[in-house]
Amino acid sequence: MHKITGSDITLTRGDSLILNLQLTKNGEPFTPEIGSSIRFAMKRRYTDPDEDVILVKIIPIDTLLLEIEPEDTKNLDMNRTYVYDIQLTDPSGRVDTFLSGKLTIGEEVL
């Protein structure tokens, strides 16, 4: 089970999450150009060093689907809140963080 409030996500530990990203630029739908990349990264705190990243997922530019698999969260602490961001890097290397928020791992029975 998951719940989304604004850019904050609550996800039951060990569950799947598939999110279809809707990109806009100046209020209009935006399609990344070929050669761009999009990545989701999650850490305990924004101030943690990059090597302390807990989860990184590459989001295909053709589907814009963020897929978190059960094995991605099954060993994380329950009732813990992490921070994440999603960045788009265009072919020239320009980086744009277009979404950030908190991801809370909820309780599971088994």
N, C-alpha and C. Protein backbone atom coordinates (compact mmCIF):
# COMPACT_ATOMS: atom_id res chain seq x y z
N MET A 1 0.84 -1.17 0.00
CA MET A 1 0.00 0.00 0.00
C MET A 1 0.89 1.24 0.00
N HIS A 2 0.42 2.27 -0.67
CA HIS A 2 1.16 3.53 -0.64
C HIS A 2 0.17 4.69 -0.57
N LYS A 3 0.70 5.81 -0.11
CA LYS A 3 -0.08 7.04 -0.03
C LYS A 3 0.83 8.18 -0.47
N ILE A 4 0.29 9.06 -1.28
CA ILE A 4 1.07 10.21 -1.76
C ILE A 4 0.35 11.48 -1.33
N THR A 5 1.08 12.35 -0.66
CA THR A 5 0.57 13.65 -0.23
C THR A 5 1.54 14.71 -0.73
N GLY A 6 1.14 15.44 -1.76
CA GLY A 6 2.08 16.38 -2.38
C GLY A 6 3.23 15.60 -2.99
N SER A 7 4.46 15.88 -2.54
CA SER A 7 5.62 15.14 -3.03
C SER A 7 6.10 14.12 -2.00
N ASP A 8 5.35 13.95 -0.91
CA ASP A 8 5.72 12.98 0.13
C ASP A 8 5.00 11.66 -0.11
N ILE A 9 5.74 10.57 0.11
CA ILE A 9 5.24 9.23 -0.16
C ILE A 9 5.35 8.38 1.10
N THR A 10 4.32 7.63 1.40
CA THR A 10 4.38 6.59 2.43
C THR A 10 4.19 5.26 1.72
N LEU A 11 5.12 4.34 1.97
CA LEU A 11 5.11 3.04 1.28
C LEU A 11 5.29 1.94 2.32
N THR A 12 4.41 0.95 2.31
CA THR A 12 4.56 -0.20 3.19
C THR A 12 5.85 -0.93 2.83
N ARG A 13 6.65 -1.25 3.84
CA ARG A 13 7.92 -1.93 3.60
C ARG A 13 7.67 -3.23 2.83
N GLY A 14 8.46 -3.42 1.77
CA GLY A 14 8.36 -4.62 0.96
C GLY A 14 7.30 -4.59 -0.13
N ASP A 15 6.60 -3.47 -0.27
CA ASP A 15 5.59 -3.35 -1.33
C ASP A 15 6.21 -2.76 -2.60
N SER A 16 5.50 -2.96 -3.70
CA SER A 16 5.88 -2.36 -4.99
C SER A 16 5.29 -0.96 -5.09
N LEU A 17 5.97 -0.11 -5.82
CA LEU A 17 5.45 1.23 -6.11
C LEU A 17 5.80 1.55 -7.56
N ILE A 18 4.79 1.89 -8.34
CA ILE A 18 5.00 2.32 -9.72
C ILE A 18 4.35 3.69 -9.86
N LEU A 19 5.16 4.69 -10.17
CA LEU A 19 4.66 6.05 -10.36
C LEU A 19 4.94 6.50 -11.78
N ASN A 20 3.92 7.03 -12.44
CA ASN A 20 4.07 7.58 -13.77
C ASN A 20 4.31 9.07 -13.63
N LEU A 21 5.53 9.51 -13.90
CA LEU A 21 5.87 10.92 -13.77
C LEU A 21 5.27 11.74 -14.90
N GLN A 22 4.76 12.89 -14.56
CA GLN A 22 4.22 13.82 -15.53
C GLN A 22 5.13 15.05 -15.52
N LEU A 23 5.95 15.23 -16.54
CA LEU A 23 6.89 16.35 -16.59
C LEU A 23 6.25 17.55 -17.26
N THR A 24 6.47 18.72 -16.67
CA THR A 24 6.01 19.97 -17.27
C THR A 24 7.13 20.99 -17.22
N LYS A 25 7.06 21.92 -18.13
CA LYS A 25 8.00 23.04 -18.17
C LYS A 25 7.17 24.27 -18.50
N ASN A 26 7.20 25.25 -17.62
CA ASN A 26 6.38 26.46 -17.77
C ASN A 26 4.89 26.11 -17.90
N GLY A 27 4.47 25.08 -17.17
CA GLY A 27 3.06 24.69 -17.17
C GLY A 27 2.63 23.84 -18.34
N GLU A 28 3.53 23.56 -19.26
CA GLU A 28 3.21 22.75 -20.45
C GLU A 28 3.87 21.38 -20.34
N PRO A 29 3.24 20.32 -20.91
CA PRO A 29 3.88 19.00 -20.90
C PRO A 29 5.26 19.07 -21.53
N PHE A 30 6.19 18.34 -20.93
CA PHE A 30 7.59 18.36 -21.36
C PHE A 30 8.07 16.94 -21.62
N THR A 31 8.69 16.73 -22.76
CA THR A 31 9.26 15.43 -23.11
C THR A 31 10.78 15.57 -23.14
N PRO A 32 11.50 14.78 -22.33
CA PRO A 32 12.97 14.86 -22.34
C PRO A 32 13.52 14.47 -23.70
N GLU A 33 14.59 15.14 -24.09
CA GLU A 33 15.18 14.83 -25.39
C GLU A 33 16.01 13.56 -25.30
N ILE A 34 16.18 12.92 -26.44
CA ILE A 34 16.98 11.69 -26.53
C ILE A 34 18.37 11.99 -25.97
N GLY A 35 18.88 11.08 -25.16
CA GLY A 35 20.19 11.26 -24.53
C GLY A 35 20.10 11.81 -23.11
N SER A 36 18.89 12.21 -22.71
CA SER A 36 18.68 12.67 -21.33
C SER A 36 18.59 11.45 -20.42
N SER A 37 18.81 11.69 -19.12
CA SER A 37 18.61 10.62 -18.13
C SER A 37 17.88 11.20 -16.93
N ILE A 38 17.10 10.33 -16.27
CA ILE A 38 16.35 10.73 -15.09
C ILE A 38 16.67 9.71 -14.01
N ARG A 39 16.98 10.20 -12.80
CA ARG A 39 17.26 9.29 -11.72
C ARG A 39 16.59 9.72 -10.43
N PHE A 40 16.16 8.72 -9.66
CA PHE A 40 15.61 8.87 -8.32
C PHE A 40 16.71 8.46 -7.36
N ALA A 41 16.96 9.26 -6.32
CA ALA A 41 17.95 8.90 -5.30
C ALA A 41 17.38 9.18 -3.93
N MET A 42 17.66 8.27 -2.97
CA MET A 42 17.10 8.39 -1.62
C MET A 42 18.22 8.21 -0.59
N LYS A 43 18.22 9.09 0.43
CA LYS A 43 19.16 9.01 1.54
C LYS A 43 18.41 9.24 2.85
N ARG A 44 19.11 9.07 3.95
CA ARG A 44 18.50 9.35 5.25
C ARG A 44 18.28 10.85 5.44
N ARG A 45 19.30 11.64 5.09
CA ARG A 45 19.24 13.10 5.21
C ARG A 45 19.88 13.72 3.98
N TYR A 46 19.42 14.90 3.60
CA TYR A 46 20.04 15.58 2.46
C TYR A 46 21.51 15.85 2.68
N THR A 47 21.91 16.03 3.94
CA THR A 47 23.30 16.36 4.26
C THR A 47 24.23 15.15 4.27
N ASP A 48 23.68 13.94 4.15
CA ASP A 48 24.53 12.74 4.10
C ASP A 48 25.39 12.79 2.84
N PRO A 49 26.61 12.25 2.93
CA PRO A 49 27.45 12.21 1.72
C PRO A 49 26.83 11.32 0.64
N ASP A 50 27.19 11.58 -0.60
CA ASP A 50 26.63 10.83 -1.73
C ASP A 50 26.83 9.32 -1.59
N GLU A 51 27.94 8.91 -0.98
CA GLU A 51 28.19 7.47 -0.86
C GLU A 51 27.23 6.79 0.13
N ASP A 52 26.48 7.57 0.89
CA ASP A 52 25.49 7.01 1.83
C ASP A 52 24.10 6.88 1.20
N VAL A 53 24.02 7.01 -0.10
CA VAL A 53 22.73 6.86 -0.78
C VAL A 53 22.20 5.46 -0.50
N ILE A 54 20.90 5.36 -0.24
CA ILE A 54 20.27 4.09 0.11
C ILE A 54 19.67 3.41 -1.12
N LEU A 55 19.14 4.22 -2.01
CA LEU A 55 18.45 3.66 -3.18
C LEU A 55 18.59 4.61 -4.36
N VAL A 56 18.96 4.07 -5.49
CA VAL A 56 19.01 4.82 -6.75
C VAL A 56 18.25 4.02 -7.80
N LYS A 57 17.35 4.69 -8.49
CA LYS A 57 16.60 4.05 -9.56
C LYS A 57 16.71 4.94 -10.81
N ILE A 58 16.98 4.32 -11.94
CA ILE A 58 17.00 5.04 -13.21
C ILE A 58 15.58 4.97 -13.78
N ILE A 59 15.07 6.11 -14.18
CA ILE A 59 13.72 6.21 -14.73
C ILE A 59 13.83 6.35 -16.24
N PRO A 60 13.31 5.38 -16.99
CA PRO A 60 13.42 5.44 -18.46
C PRO A 60 12.70 6.68 -19.01
N ILE A 61 13.36 7.39 -19.94
CA ILE A 61 12.73 8.60 -20.48
C ILE A 61 11.59 8.28 -21.43
N ASP A 62 11.52 7.04 -21.92
CA ASP A 62 10.43 6.71 -22.83
C ASP A 62 9.14 6.35 -22.09
N THR A 63 9.24 5.87 -20.84
CA THR A 63 8.03 5.51 -20.10
C THR A 63 7.75 6.47 -18.93
N LEU A 64 8.80 7.10 -18.41
CA LEU A 64 8.72 7.97 -17.23
C LEU A 64 8.11 7.25 -16.03
N LEU A 65 8.39 5.94 -15.92
CA LEU A 65 7.88 5.16 -14.80
C LEU A 65 8.97 4.95 -13.75
N LEU A 66 8.69 5.40 -12.54
CA LEU A 66 9.55 5.10 -11.39
C LEU A 66 9.02 3.80 -10.80
N GLU A 67 9.87 2.79 -10.76
CA GLU A 67 9.46 1.49 -10.23
C GLU A 67 10.33 1.12 -9.04
N ILE A 68 9.72 1.09 -7.85
CA ILE A 68 10.39 0.62 -6.65
C ILE A 68 9.89 -0.80 -6.40
N GLU A 69 10.82 -1.73 -6.33
CA GLU A 69 10.50 -3.15 -6.18
C GLU A 69 10.49 -3.54 -4.70
N PRO A 70 9.81 -4.63 -4.34
CA PRO A 70 9.77 -5.07 -2.95
C PRO A 70 11.15 -5.22 -2.31
N GLU A 71 12.11 -5.75 -3.06
CA GLU A 71 13.45 -5.94 -2.50
C GLU A 71 14.18 -4.63 -2.22
N ASP A 72 13.72 -3.52 -2.82
CA ASP A 72 14.34 -2.21 -2.59
C ASP A 72 14.08 -1.71 -1.17
N THR A 73 12.98 -2.14 -0.55
CA THR A 73 12.63 -1.61 0.78
C THR A 73 12.52 -2.67 1.87
N LYS A 74 12.63 -3.96 1.51
CA LYS A 74 12.35 -5.01 2.49
C LYS A 74 13.30 -5.01 3.68
N ASN A 75 14.49 -4.44 3.55
CA ASN A 75 15.44 -4.42 4.66
C ASN A 75 15.56 -3.05 5.33
N LEU A 76 14.72 -2.12 4.94
CA LEU A 76 14.76 -0.78 5.55
C LEU A 76 13.95 -0.77 6.84
N ASP A 77 14.33 0.13 7.74
CA ASP A 77 13.62 0.26 9.02
C ASP A 77 12.20 0.75 8.79
N MET A 78 11.25 0.13 9.49
CA MET A 78 9.86 0.58 9.42
C MET A 78 9.71 1.87 10.22
N ASN A 79 8.75 2.68 9.81
CA ASN A 79 8.45 3.97 10.44
C ASN A 79 9.63 4.94 10.40
N ARG A 80 10.45 4.82 9.39
CA ARG A 80 11.57 5.74 9.19
C ARG A 80 11.29 6.58 7.96
N THR A 81 11.62 7.86 8.04
CA THR A 81 11.42 8.77 6.92
C THR A 81 12.76 9.09 6.28
N TYR A 82 12.82 8.95 4.98
CA TYR A 82 14.00 9.24 4.18
C TYR A 82 13.69 10.45 3.29
N VAL A 83 14.71 11.02 2.68
CA VAL A 83 14.52 12.11 1.73
C VAL A 83 14.91 11.60 0.34
N TYR A 84 14.28 12.16 -0.67
CA TYR A 84 14.61 11.76 -2.04
C TYR A 84 14.56 12.97 -2.95
N ASP A 85 15.19 12.81 -4.10
CA ASP A 85 14.98 13.77 -5.18
C ASP A 85 15.03 13.04 -6.51
N ILE A 86 14.48 13.70 -7.52
CA ILE A 86 14.49 13.17 -8.88
C ILE A 86 15.11 14.24 -9.77
N GLN A 87 16.16 13.84 -10.49
CA GLN A 87 16.89 14.78 -11.34
C GLN A 87 16.86 14.35 -12.80
N LEU A 88 16.79 15.35 -13.65
CA LEU A 88 16.89 15.16 -15.09
C LEU A 88 18.23 15.74 -15.52
N THR A 89 19.01 14.95 -16.24
CA THR A 89 20.26 15.42 -16.82
C THR A 89 20.11 15.38 -18.33
N ASP A 90 20.27 16.56 -18.97
CA ASP A 90 20.11 16.59 -20.43
C ASP A 90 21.42 16.19 -21.10
N PRO A 91 21.42 15.98 -22.42
CA PRO A 91 22.62 15.50 -23.11
C PRO A 91 23.84 16.40 -22.95
N SER A 92 23.63 17.70 -22.67
CA SER A 92 24.77 18.60 -22.51
C SER A 92 25.35 18.54 -21.10
N GLY A 93 24.67 17.80 -20.19
CA GLY A 93 25.14 17.69 -18.82
C GLY A 93 24.43 18.61 -17.84
N ARG A 94 23.51 19.41 -18.33
CA ARG A 94 22.74 20.30 -17.45
C ARG A 94 21.84 19.46 -16.56
N VAL A 95 21.87 19.74 -15.24
CA VAL A 95 21.10 18.97 -14.27
C VAL A 95 19.99 19.84 -13.71
N ASP A 96 18.79 19.25 -13.64
CA ASP A 96 17.63 19.94 -13.09
C ASP A 96 16.93 19.01 -12.11
N THR A 97 16.94 19.37 -10.81
CA THR A 97 16.19 18.61 -9.82
C THR A 97 14.75 19.11 -9.88
N PHE A 98 13.84 18.26 -10.34
CA PHE A 98 12.48 18.73 -10.55
C PHE A 98 11.50 18.23 -9.51
N LEU A 99 11.95 17.35 -8.61
CA LEU A 99 11.07 16.89 -7.55
C LEU A 99 11.90 16.43 -6.37
N SER A 100 11.49 16.81 -5.17
CA SER A 100 12.12 16.30 -3.96
C SER A 100 11.04 16.16 -2.90
N GLY A 101 11.29 15.30 -1.95
CA GLY A 101 10.31 15.08 -0.90
C GLY A 101 10.79 14.06 0.10
N LYS A 102 9.84 13.54 0.85
CA LYS A 102 10.14 12.54 1.87
C LYS A 102 9.45 11.23 1.50
N LEU A 103 10.12 10.15 1.82
CA LEU A 103 9.55 8.82 1.62
C LEU A 103 9.61 8.10 2.95
N THR A 104 8.44 7.77 3.49
CA THR A 104 8.35 7.08 4.77
C THR A 104 8.06 5.61 4.52
N ILE A 105 8.84 4.75 5.16
CA ILE A 105 8.62 3.31 5.08
C ILE A 105 7.67 2.91 6.20
N GLY A 106 6.50 2.44 5.82
CA GLY A 106 5.49 2.06 6.79
C GLY A 106 5.65 0.63 7.27
N GLU A 107 4.83 0.28 8.24
CA GLU A 107 4.90 -1.04 8.85
C GLU A 107 4.30 -2.11 7.95
N GLU A 108 4.83 -3.33 8.15
CA GLU A 108 4.29 -4.49 7.49
C GLU A 108 4.14 -5.61 8.53
N VAL A 109 3.24 -6.52 8.30
CA VAL A 109 3.02 -7.62 9.23
C VAL A 109 4.05 -8.72 9.01
N LEU A 110 4.25 -9.11 7.76
CA LEU A 110 5.23 -10.15 7.41
C LEU A 110 6.22 -9.63 6.42
